[in-house]
């Protein structure tokens, strides 16, 4: 490793959300105030308390991978592969799908993946039941070879997308997979920053992905009290920092970024969206899904990111977590005040989740992308549905419309279900 602390810039952004394919489609929709949240259509959500989400309709996985590869990919992994292709294409590193990026390119991914596709297995389970309907384990042992598809366990591996992205683009450098919720994708970006900064890699593909609107994820989270049950409100159900908020609404998608050593990027004439300057993490250490009242883990993460960046507490824009839970938004506000001090009053802070949905494993990486796009364009996106601000959420959460304010510095925040917190610091490209 090099002892030199190298500078790291964002040269590619790949977004796939309910708002569109590619970062420009999502960014334009965010600034136009459109939302991807609507009734769930992929399955009958009637047994669930929350029946809305931000699904991606019309996604064609065959456009991103061969039939052979698709046999081993669940929906979340397919979204990851599409996001990776979009990011590399945006950075000018895709080479028409023939790229061989080699051992100086790293790959860091985060997701909340827990299950492979269950469709075929569920359909076959009847074959291992006794005549009275009870499970027949002896019959399972005799017929498992035909009941369980050979690739079922391979497809179910958590970091499966890492292999398929690496195979498609010849990525053979530093790599890791982070399991979690919003923190995981942001952690992947932070680890990617360190890999380039320390000389482990010259280029890194990093970010998160999740099919959080799928039946398994929705049924698991439905009873925890973190999702909005105001299905009647549709896109208006997700209300961060509002006094009438009642929880999150999930979305699916992927958010991957190409991080590159600055001098290398400039030498090849790459477009630079922003420079990533700092990374920090912390943990609330309280029983989930509650937050510590002052979000001490997030406070620590923000402080660590700013120190890592050598940055003052004056931050122009914060791409906030904004999960719209009662305690979550209040504790995030407290953490921002504690970490930024008087500067918190001057910061512009917003959450794009009311439009994209909460992308869970991709949410933190999406915030990094949003921060980079804000620094590049000079526009701060708004927090939609913030009509009656909660007095306890008394910072500038940019209600109403986006602002052309030319931010020069930004923070991207992410919080996990079990108290994990990540902050990434960015600056406008010089």
Protein backbone atom coordinates (compact mmCIF):
# COMPACT_ATOMS: atom_id res chain seq x y z
CA UNK A 1 0.00 0.00 0.00
CA UNK A 2 1.00 3.56 -0.61
CA UNK A 3 1.67 5.69 2.46
CA UNK A 4 0.27 8.67 0.56
CA UNK A 5 -3.31 9.74 1.23
CA UNK A 6 -4.67 9.90 -2.28
CA UNK A 7 -7.69 12.01 -3.27
CA UNK A 8 -10.83 10.18 -4.36
CA UNK A 9 -13.51 11.44 -6.74
CA UNK A 10 -16.85 10.16 -8.05
CA UNK A 11 -16.69 9.60 -11.81
CA UNK A 12 -19.73 7.39 -12.37
CA UNK A 13 -23.21 7.09 -10.86
CA UNK A 14 -25.56 4.21 -11.59
CA UNK A 15 -29.09 4.57 -10.22
CA UNK A 16 -32.03 2.28 -10.82
CA UNK A 17 -35.15 3.35 -8.90
CA UNK A 18 -38.91 3.52 -9.31
CA UNK A 19 -38.30 7.01 -10.72
CA UNK A 20 -36.30 5.76 -13.69
CA UNK A 21 -33.26 4.03 -15.13
CA UNK A 22 -29.98 5.89 -14.87
CA UNK A 23 -29.00 8.71 -12.55
CA UNK A 24 -30.33 11.47 -14.81
CA UNK A 25 -33.85 10.02 -14.88
CA UNK A 26 -33.95 9.71 -11.09
CA UNK A 27 -32.41 13.14 -10.53
CA UNK A 28 -34.79 14.88 -12.95
CA UNK A 29 -37.77 13.19 -11.27
CA UNK A 30 -36.54 14.23 -7.82
CA UNK A 31 -36.26 17.87 -8.85
CA UNK A 32 -39.64 17.73 -10.61
CA UNK A 33 -41.28 16.45 -7.41
CA UNK A 34 -42.45 13.12 -8.84
CA UNK A 35 -42.83 10.05 -6.61
CA UNK A 36 -42.46 6.37 -7.45
CA UNK A 37 -44.66 5.22 -4.55
CA UNK A 38 -47.93 3.49 -5.36
CA UNK A 39 -49.92 0.29 -4.70
CA UNK A 40 -47.82 -2.90 -4.70
CA UNK A 41 -48.47 -4.82 -7.91
CA UNK A 42 -45.94 -7.67 -8.00
CA UNK A 43 -48.11 -9.80 -5.68
CA UNK A 44 -51.29 -9.52 -3.62
CA UNK A 45 -50.31 -7.50 -0.51
CA UNK A 46 -53.75 -7.83 1.13
CA UNK A 47 -52.43 -9.74 4.21
CA UNK A 48 -50.01 -6.89 4.94
CA UNK A 49 -50.72 -3.73 6.89
CA UNK A 50 -48.61 -1.74 4.40
CA UNK A 51 -49.72 -2.30 0.81
CA UNK A 52 -47.81 0.49 -0.95
CA UNK A 53 -44.20 0.78 -2.10
CA UNK A 54 -41.91 2.14 -4.81
CA UNK A 55 -41.65 -0.79 -7.23
CA UNK A 56 -39.69 -0.72 -10.48
CA UNK A 57 -42.13 -1.61 -13.24
CA UNK A 58 -40.96 -2.85 -16.62
CA UNK A 59 -37.49 -3.88 -15.49
CA UNK A 60 -36.06 -6.31 -18.06
CA UNK A 61 -33.21 -8.32 -16.50
CA UNK A 62 -32.38 -9.85 -19.89
CA UNK A 63 -31.06 -6.45 -20.96
CA UNK A 64 -28.30 -6.70 -18.35
CA UNK A 65 -27.19 -10.33 -18.26
CA UNK A 66 -27.23 -13.57 -20.24
CA UNK A 67 -29.91 -16.20 -19.70
CA UNK A 68 -27.31 -18.46 -18.09
CA UNK A 69 -26.35 -15.77 -15.56
CA UNK A 70 -29.95 -14.85 -14.80
CA UNK A 71 -30.64 -18.41 -13.66
CA UNK A 72 -28.38 -17.73 -10.67
CA UNK A 73 -29.61 -14.24 -9.77
CA UNK A 74 -32.54 -13.22 -7.57
CA UNK A 75 -34.23 -9.88 -8.23
CA UNK A 76 -32.00 -7.87 -5.91
CA UNK A 77 -28.87 -9.26 -7.54
CA UNK A 78 -30.26 -8.41 -10.96
CA UNK A 79 -30.83 -4.83 -9.84
CA UNK A 80 -27.23 -4.76 -8.59
CA UNK A 81 -25.85 -5.92 -11.93
CA UNK A 82 -27.91 -3.30 -13.77
CA UNK A 83 -26.74 -0.57 -11.39
CA UNK A 84 -23.12 -1.62 -11.81
CA UNK A 85 -23.42 -1.47 -15.59
CA UNK A 86 -25.03 1.97 -15.44
CA UNK A 87 -22.27 3.28 -13.15
CA UNK A 88 -19.41 1.91 -15.24
CA UNK A 89 -21.07 3.11 -18.44
CA UNK A 90 -21.48 6.60 -16.94
CA UNK A 91 -17.79 6.61 -15.97
CA UNK A 92 -16.73 5.56 -19.47
CA UNK A 93 -15.38 2.23 -18.20
CA UNK A 94 -18.00 -0.17 -19.58
CA UNK A 95 -16.38 -0.66 -23.02
CA UNK A 96 -19.54 -2.16 -24.46
CA UNK A 97 -19.59 -4.99 -21.92
CA UNK A 98 -16.09 -6.15 -22.88
CA UNK A 99 -14.19 -4.40 -20.08
CA UNK A 100 -11.47 -6.28 -18.21
CA UNK A 101 -10.91 -3.96 -15.27
CA UNK A 102 -8.36 -6.15 -13.55
CA UNK A 103 -6.69 -6.32 -10.15
CA UNK A 104 -6.44 -2.54 -9.65
CA UNK A 105 -10.23 -2.25 -9.58
CA UNK A 106 -12.15 -3.01 -6.38
CA UNK A 107 -15.75 -3.91 -5.66
CA UNK A 108 -17.62 -3.16 -2.41
CA UNK A 109 -21.31 -3.93 -2.10
CA UNK A 110 -23.98 -3.69 0.59
CA UNK A 111 -27.46 -5.19 0.76
CA UNK A 112 -30.14 -6.69 2.95
CA UNK A 113 -30.34 -9.91 0.94
CA UNK A 114 -31.54 -12.90 2.95
CA UNK A 115 -33.34 -15.25 0.58
CA UNK A 116 -33.03 -16.61 -2.95
CA UNK A 117 -36.10 -16.78 -5.18
CA UNK A 118 -38.68 -18.85 -3.32
CA UNK A 119 -41.19 -19.34 -6.15
CA UNK A 120 -39.99 -22.70 -7.40
CA UNK A 121 -39.29 -24.07 -3.92
CA UNK A 122 -42.74 -23.13 -2.64
CA UNK A 123 -44.33 -24.78 -5.66
CA UNK A 124 -42.42 -28.01 -4.96
CA UNK A 125 -43.05 -28.21 -1.21
CA UNK A 126 -46.28 -30.13 -1.71
CA UNK A 127 -44.16 -33.03 -2.94
CA UNK A 128 -42.64 -33.51 0.54
CA UNK A 129 -45.86 -33.60 2.52
CA UNK A 130 -47.48 -36.72 3.91
CA UNK A 131 -51.04 -37.60 3.03
CA UNK A 132 -52.31 -35.71 6.09
CA UNK A 133 -50.47 -32.54 4.99
CA UNK A 134 -47.68 -32.69 7.58
CA UNK A 135 -44.02 -32.36 6.52
CA UNK A 136 -42.47 -35.72 5.58
CA UNK A 137 -38.71 -35.38 6.18
CA UNK A 138 -38.04 -38.90 4.96
CA UNK A 139 -39.70 -38.06 1.67
CA UNK A 140 -37.69 -34.84 1.52
CA UNK A 141 -34.47 -36.82 1.90
CA UNK A 142 -35.51 -39.18 -0.89
CA UNK A 143 -36.63 -36.47 -3.32
CA UNK A 144 -34.57 -33.40 -2.41
CA UNK A 145 -32.52 -33.71 -5.59
CA UNK A 146 -35.59 -33.05 -7.71
CA UNK A 147 -37.47 -30.77 -5.30
CA UNK A 148 -34.66 -28.29 -4.65
CA UNK A 149 -33.07 -26.76 -7.75
CA UNK A 150 -29.28 -27.35 -7.95
CA UNK A 151 -28.56 -23.62 -8.05
CA UNK A 152 -30.92 -22.72 -5.17
CA UNK A 153 -28.15 -22.41 -2.58
CA UNK A 154 -25.74 -20.65 -4.95
CA UNK A 155 -28.38 -18.08 -5.81
CA UNK A 156 -29.07 -17.59 -2.11
CA UNK A 157 -25.49 -16.61 -1.20
CA UNK A 158 -25.52 -13.05 0.14
CA UNK A 159 -22.59 -11.73 -1.94
CA UNK A 160 -23.69 -13.48 -5.15
CA UNK A 161 -23.98 -10.16 -7.02
CA UNK A 162 -20.31 -9.50 -6.26
CA UNK A 163 -19.27 -12.59 -8.18
CA UNK A 164 -21.45 -11.86 -11.21
CA UNK A 165 -20.39 -8.22 -11.45
CA UNK A 166 -16.75 -9.24 -11.10
CA UNK A 167 -17.14 -11.93 -13.74
CA UNK A 168 -18.82 -9.61 -16.20
CA UNK A 169 -16.25 -6.83 -15.86
CA UNK A 170 -13.09 -8.69 -14.89
CA UNK A 171 -12.85 -7.03 -11.47
CA UNK A 172 -10.14 -8.84 -9.50
CA UNK A 173 -9.08 -6.31 -6.86
CA UNK A 174 -9.98 -5.53 -3.24
CA UNK A 175 -13.56 -6.47 -2.43
CA UNK A 176 -16.07 -7.01 0.37
CA UNK A 177 -19.77 -7.46 1.00
CA UNK A 178 -21.63 -5.72 3.84
CA UNK A 179 -24.93 -7.09 5.13
CA UNK A 180 -27.36 -4.66 6.69
CA UNK A 181 -29.98 -2.06 5.91
CA UNK A 182 -29.30 1.58 4.91
CA UNK A 183 -25.89 1.49 6.55
CA UNK A 184 -24.61 -1.34 4.34
CA UNK A 185 -24.48 0.50 1.02
CA UNK A 186 -22.97 3.61 2.66
CA UNK A 187 -20.41 1.41 4.43
CA UNK A 188 -19.47 -0.07 1.05
CA UNK A 189 -18.83 3.44 -0.29
CA UNK A 190 -16.73 4.30 2.78
CA UNK A 191 -14.67 1.15 2.40
CA UNK A 192 -14.23 1.93 -1.29
CA UNK A 193 -12.97 5.39 -0.38
CA UNK A 194 -10.33 3.85 1.89
CA UNK A 195 -9.27 1.32 -0.74
CA UNK A 196 -8.51 4.04 -3.29
CA UNK A 197 -7.08 6.45 -0.73
CA UNK A 198 -4.64 3.83 0.64
CA UNK A 199 -3.56 2.58 -2.77
CA UNK A 200 -5.31 -0.81 -2.62
CA UNK A 201 -7.08 0.10 -5.85
CA UNK A 202 -7.15 2.87 -8.46
CA UNK A 203 -10.84 2.45 -9.25
CA UNK A 204 -13.64 1.08 -7.09
CA UNK A 205 -17.24 0.22 -7.83
CA UNK A 206 -19.20 0.66 -4.59
CA UNK A 207 -22.78 0.95 -3.37
CA UNK A 208 -25.92 -0.93 -2.43
CA UNK A 209 -28.99 -2.66 -3.79
CA UNK A 210 -32.22 -4.19 -2.50
CA UNK A 211 -35.56 -5.62 -3.61
CA UNK A 212 -37.18 -4.29 -0.45
CA UNK A 213 -40.72 -4.27 -1.85
CA UNK A 214 -40.67 -8.05 -2.31
CA UNK A 215 -42.92 -10.31 -0.26
CA UNK A 216 -40.20 -11.61 2.06
CA UNK A 217 -38.88 -8.19 3.07
CA UNK A 218 -42.34 -6.69 3.42
CA UNK A 219 -43.74 -9.54 5.49
CA UNK A 220 -40.69 -9.45 7.77
CA UNK A 221 -40.94 -5.71 8.42
CA UNK A 222 -44.71 -5.38 8.44
CA UNK A 223 -45.09 -6.05 12.15
CA UNK A 224 -42.16 -4.00 13.46
CA UNK A 225 -43.97 -0.69 13.45
CA UNK A 226 -41.47 1.12 11.19
CA UNK A 227 -43.63 1.20 8.03
CA UNK A 228 -46.47 3.60 7.31
CA UNK A 229 -49.94 2.04 7.27
CA UNK A 230 -51.55 5.07 5.64
CA UNK A 231 -52.08 3.26 2.36
CA UNK A 232 -54.92 5.66 1.54
CA UNK A 233 -52.42 8.51 1.22
CA UNK A 234 -50.41 6.80 -1.53
CA UNK A 235 -47.32 8.87 -2.37
CA UNK A 236 -48.13 11.26 0.50
CA UNK A 237 -47.80 8.50 3.12
CA UNK A 238 -44.02 8.99 3.50
CA UNK A 239 -43.64 12.20 5.52
CA UNK A 240 -40.18 12.74 7.08
CA UNK A 241 -39.96 15.37 9.83
CA UNK A 242 -43.69 16.09 9.55
CA UNK A 243 -45.87 16.05 12.65
CA UNK A 244 -48.21 13.57 10.90
CA UNK A 245 -45.50 11.08 9.91
CA UNK A 246 -46.16 7.42 10.56
CA UNK A 247 -43.22 5.44 9.20
CA UNK A 248 -41.35 4.53 6.04
CA UNK A 249 -42.49 3.18 2.69
CA UNK A 250 -40.10 0.73 1.06
CA UNK A 251 -38.72 0.97 -2.46
CA UNK A 252 -36.51 -1.26 -4.57
CA UNK A 253 -33.46 -0.34 -6.58
CA UNK A 254 -29.71 -0.01 -6.76
CA UNK A 255 -27.25 2.82 -6.26
CA UNK A 256 -23.64 2.21 -7.28
CA UNK A 257 -20.82 4.69 -7.73
CA UNK A 258 -17.45 4.62 -9.43
CA UNK A 259 -14.77 6.02 -7.14
CA UNK A 260 -11.44 6.86 -8.72
CA UNK A 261 -8.07 8.24 -7.79
CA UNK A 262 -8.29 11.92 -8.71
CA UNK A 263 -5.17 12.28 -10.84
CA UNK A 264 -6.02 9.16 -12.81
CA UNK A 265 -9.53 10.44 -13.44
CA UNK A 266 -8.32 13.83 -14.60
CA UNK A 267 -5.68 12.28 -16.84
CA UNK A 268 -8.27 10.26 -18.75
CA UNK A 269 -10.66 13.23 -19.00
CA UNK A 270 -13.36 11.69 -16.82
CA UNK A 271 -16.29 13.73 -15.62
CA UNK A 272 -15.94 14.37 -11.89
CA UNK A 273 -19.19 14.81 -9.94
CA UNK A 274 -17.67 15.43 -6.52
CA UNK A 275 -14.76 14.53 -4.28
CA UNK A 276 -15.32 12.16 -1.35
CA UNK A 277 -13.27 13.45 1.54
CA UNK A 278 -14.35 11.62 4.70
CA UNK A 279 -16.05 8.59 6.19
CA UNK A 280 -17.20 7.71 9.69
CA UNK A 281 -19.33 5.15 11.49
CA UNK A 282 -20.95 4.63 14.88
CA UNK A 283 -23.63 2.64 16.70
CA UNK A 284 -26.52 3.61 18.97
CA UNK A 285 -26.28 0.29 20.86
CA UNK A 286 -29.97 0.08 21.76
CA UNK A 287 -32.46 -2.70 21.17
CA UNK A 288 -33.96 -2.43 17.65
CA UNK A 289 -36.02 -1.04 16.08
CA UNK A 290 -35.91 1.93 18.48
CA UNK A 291 -33.32 4.70 18.14
CA UNK A 292 -31.19 6.10 20.95
CA UNK A 293 -32.91 9.43 21.79
CA UNK A 294 -29.98 11.58 20.64
CA UNK A 295 -28.71 9.13 18.01
CA UNK A 296 -25.25 8.90 19.57
CA UNK A 297 -24.09 6.49 16.87
CA UNK A 298 -25.01 8.93 14.10
CA UNK A 299 -23.42 11.80 16.02
CA UNK A 300 -20.20 9.84 16.25
CA UNK A 301 -20.34 8.92 12.57
CA UNK A 302 -20.78 12.55 11.51
CA UNK A 303 -17.95 13.73 13.74
CA UNK A 304 -15.63 11.02 12.45
CA UNK A 305 -16.44 11.80 8.82
CA UNK A 306 -15.76 15.52 9.29
CA UNK A 307 -12.48 14.85 11.09
CA UNK A 308 -11.45 12.41 8.39
CA UNK A 309 -12.18 15.09 5.80
CA UNK A 310 -10.30 17.75 7.76
CA UNK A 311 -13.53 19.70 7.44
CA UNK A 312 -15.14 22.22 9.76
CA UNK A 313 -18.69 21.72 11.00
CA UNK A 314 -19.96 24.16 8.34
CA UNK A 315 -21.75 21.82 5.93
CA UNK A 316 -23.88 23.27 3.15
CA UNK A 317 -26.07 20.25 2.41
CA UNK A 318 -27.01 17.06 4.25
CA UNK A 319 -28.59 14.14 2.37
CA UNK A 320 -30.42 12.93 5.46
CA UNK A 321 -31.70 9.53 6.46
CA UNK A 322 -35.24 10.82 7.04
CA UNK A 323 -37.02 7.52 7.69
CA UNK A 324 -40.24 9.19 8.99
CA UNK A 325 -40.50 7.19 12.21
CA UNK A 326 -41.51 9.13 15.32
CA UNK A 327 -38.24 8.73 17.22
CA UNK A 328 -35.99 8.31 14.21
CA UNK A 329 -36.50 11.82 12.82
CA UNK A 330 -36.29 13.49 16.23
CA UNK A 331 -33.10 11.66 17.15
CA UNK A 332 -31.55 12.46 13.76
CA UNK A 333 -32.27 16.13 14.37
CA UNK A 334 -30.60 15.86 17.79
CA UNK A 335 -27.54 14.16 16.31
CA UNK A 336 -27.15 16.88 13.68
CA UNK A 337 -27.34 19.57 16.36
CA UNK A 338 -24.86 17.77 18.59
CA UNK A 339 -22.38 17.06 15.78
CA UNK A 340 -22.60 20.33 13.84
CA UNK A 341 -23.27 22.74 16.69
CA UNK A 342 -24.43 26.18 15.57
CA UNK A 343 -23.70 25.21 11.96
CA UNK A 344 -26.73 22.90 12.01
CA UNK A 345 -28.96 25.98 11.81
CA UNK A 346 -27.36 27.01 8.50
CA UNK A 347 -27.28 23.61 6.82
CA UNK A 348 -29.82 22.66 4.17
CA UNK A 349 -31.07 19.14 4.95
CA UNK A 350 -33.41 16.93 2.93
CA UNK A 351 -34.56 13.36 2.44
CA UNK A 352 -35.45 11.99 -1.01
CA UNK A 353 -37.10 8.86 0.40
CA UNK A 354 -40.67 10.17 -0.06
CA UNK A 355 -40.00 9.96 -3.80
CA UNK A 356 -37.77 6.89 -4.21
CA UNK A 357 -39.07 4.96 -1.23
CA UNK A 358 -36.71 3.68 1.45
CA UNK A 359 -34.31 1.52 -0.60
CA UNK A 360 -33.04 -0.25 2.54
CA UNK A 361 -29.68 -1.77 1.47
CA UNK A 362 -29.34 0.84 -1.28
CA UNK A 363 -30.60 3.82 0.75
CA UNK A 364 -27.25 4.98 2.14
CA UNK A 365 -25.48 4.71 -1.20
CA UNK A 366 -28.37 6.59 -2.84
CA UNK A 367 -27.78 9.43 -0.38
CA UNK A 368 -24.10 9.57 -1.41
CA UNK A 369 -25.19 9.75 -5.04
CA UNK A 370 -27.74 12.47 -4.24
CA UNK A 371 -25.09 14.49 -2.39
CA UNK A 372 -22.69 14.17 -5.34
CA UNK A 373 -25.38 15.21 -7.83
CA UNK A 374 -26.35 18.17 -5.67
CA UNK A 375 -22.74 19.37 -5.51
CA UNK A 376 -22.36 18.88 -9.27
CA UNK A 377 -25.60 20.60 -10.29
CA UNK A 378 -25.76 23.25 -7.59
CA UNK A 379 -29.31 22.24 -6.70
CA UNK A 380 -30.52 20.90 -3.33
CA UNK A 381 -33.51 18.54 -3.63
CA UNK A 382 -36.56 19.10 -1.42
CA UNK A 383 -38.15 16.92 1.24
CA UNK A 384 -41.57 16.11 -0.18
CA UNK A 385 -44.73 15.88 1.96
CA UNK A 386 -43.24 18.08 4.68
CA UNK A 387 -46.34 20.22 5.19
CA UNK A 388 -46.54 20.56 8.97
CA UNK A 389 -43.01 20.39 10.45
CA UNK A 390 -42.71 18.66 13.80
CA UNK A 391 -41.53 21.27 16.36
CA UNK A 392 -38.94 18.71 17.50
CA UNK A 393 -37.53 18.57 13.94
CA UNK A 394 -36.68 22.25 13.81
CA UNK A 395 -33.82 22.41 11.30
CA UNK A 396 -34.02 23.51 7.66
CA UNK A 397 -35.37 20.34 6.04
CA UNK A 398 -36.00 22.08 2.67
CA UNK A 399 -39.77 21.71 2.42
CA UNK A 400 -41.62 22.38 -0.81
CA UNK A 401 -39.29 22.93 -3.73
CA UNK A 402 -35.60 22.36 -4.60
CA UNK A 403 -33.14 25.21 -4.15
CA UNK A 404 -30.44 26.45 -6.48
CA UNK A 405 -27.99 27.29 -3.71
CA UNK A 406 -24.65 26.02 -5.09
CA UNK A 407 -23.57 23.91 -2.07
CA UNK A 408 -19.81 23.41 -1.79
CA UNK A 409 -19.83 20.67 0.85
CA UNK A 410 -22.17 17.84 1.78
CA UNK A 411 -22.80 14.95 4.12
CA UNK A 412 -24.62 11.74 3.22
CA UNK A 413 -26.17 9.88 6.16
CA UNK A 414 -27.44 6.34 6.70
CA UNK A 415 -28.84 4.53 9.71
CA UNK A 416 -29.33 0.81 10.14
CA UNK A 417 -32.20 -0.98 11.81
CA UNK A 418 -29.99 -2.11 14.71
CA UNK A 419 -28.39 1.26 15.45
CA UNK A 420 -25.58 1.26 12.90
CA UNK A 421 -24.82 4.70 11.46
CA UNK A 422 -22.61 5.87 8.61
CA UNK A 423 -21.68 9.35 7.36
CA UNK A 424 -19.82 10.20 4.15
CA UNK A 425 -18.38 13.69 3.55
CA UNK A 426 -18.12 15.20 0.09
CA UNK A 427 -16.98 18.45 -1.51
CA UNK A 428 -17.64 20.12 -4.83
CA UNK A 429 -15.10 19.07 -7.44
CA UNK A 430 -12.27 21.57 -7.78
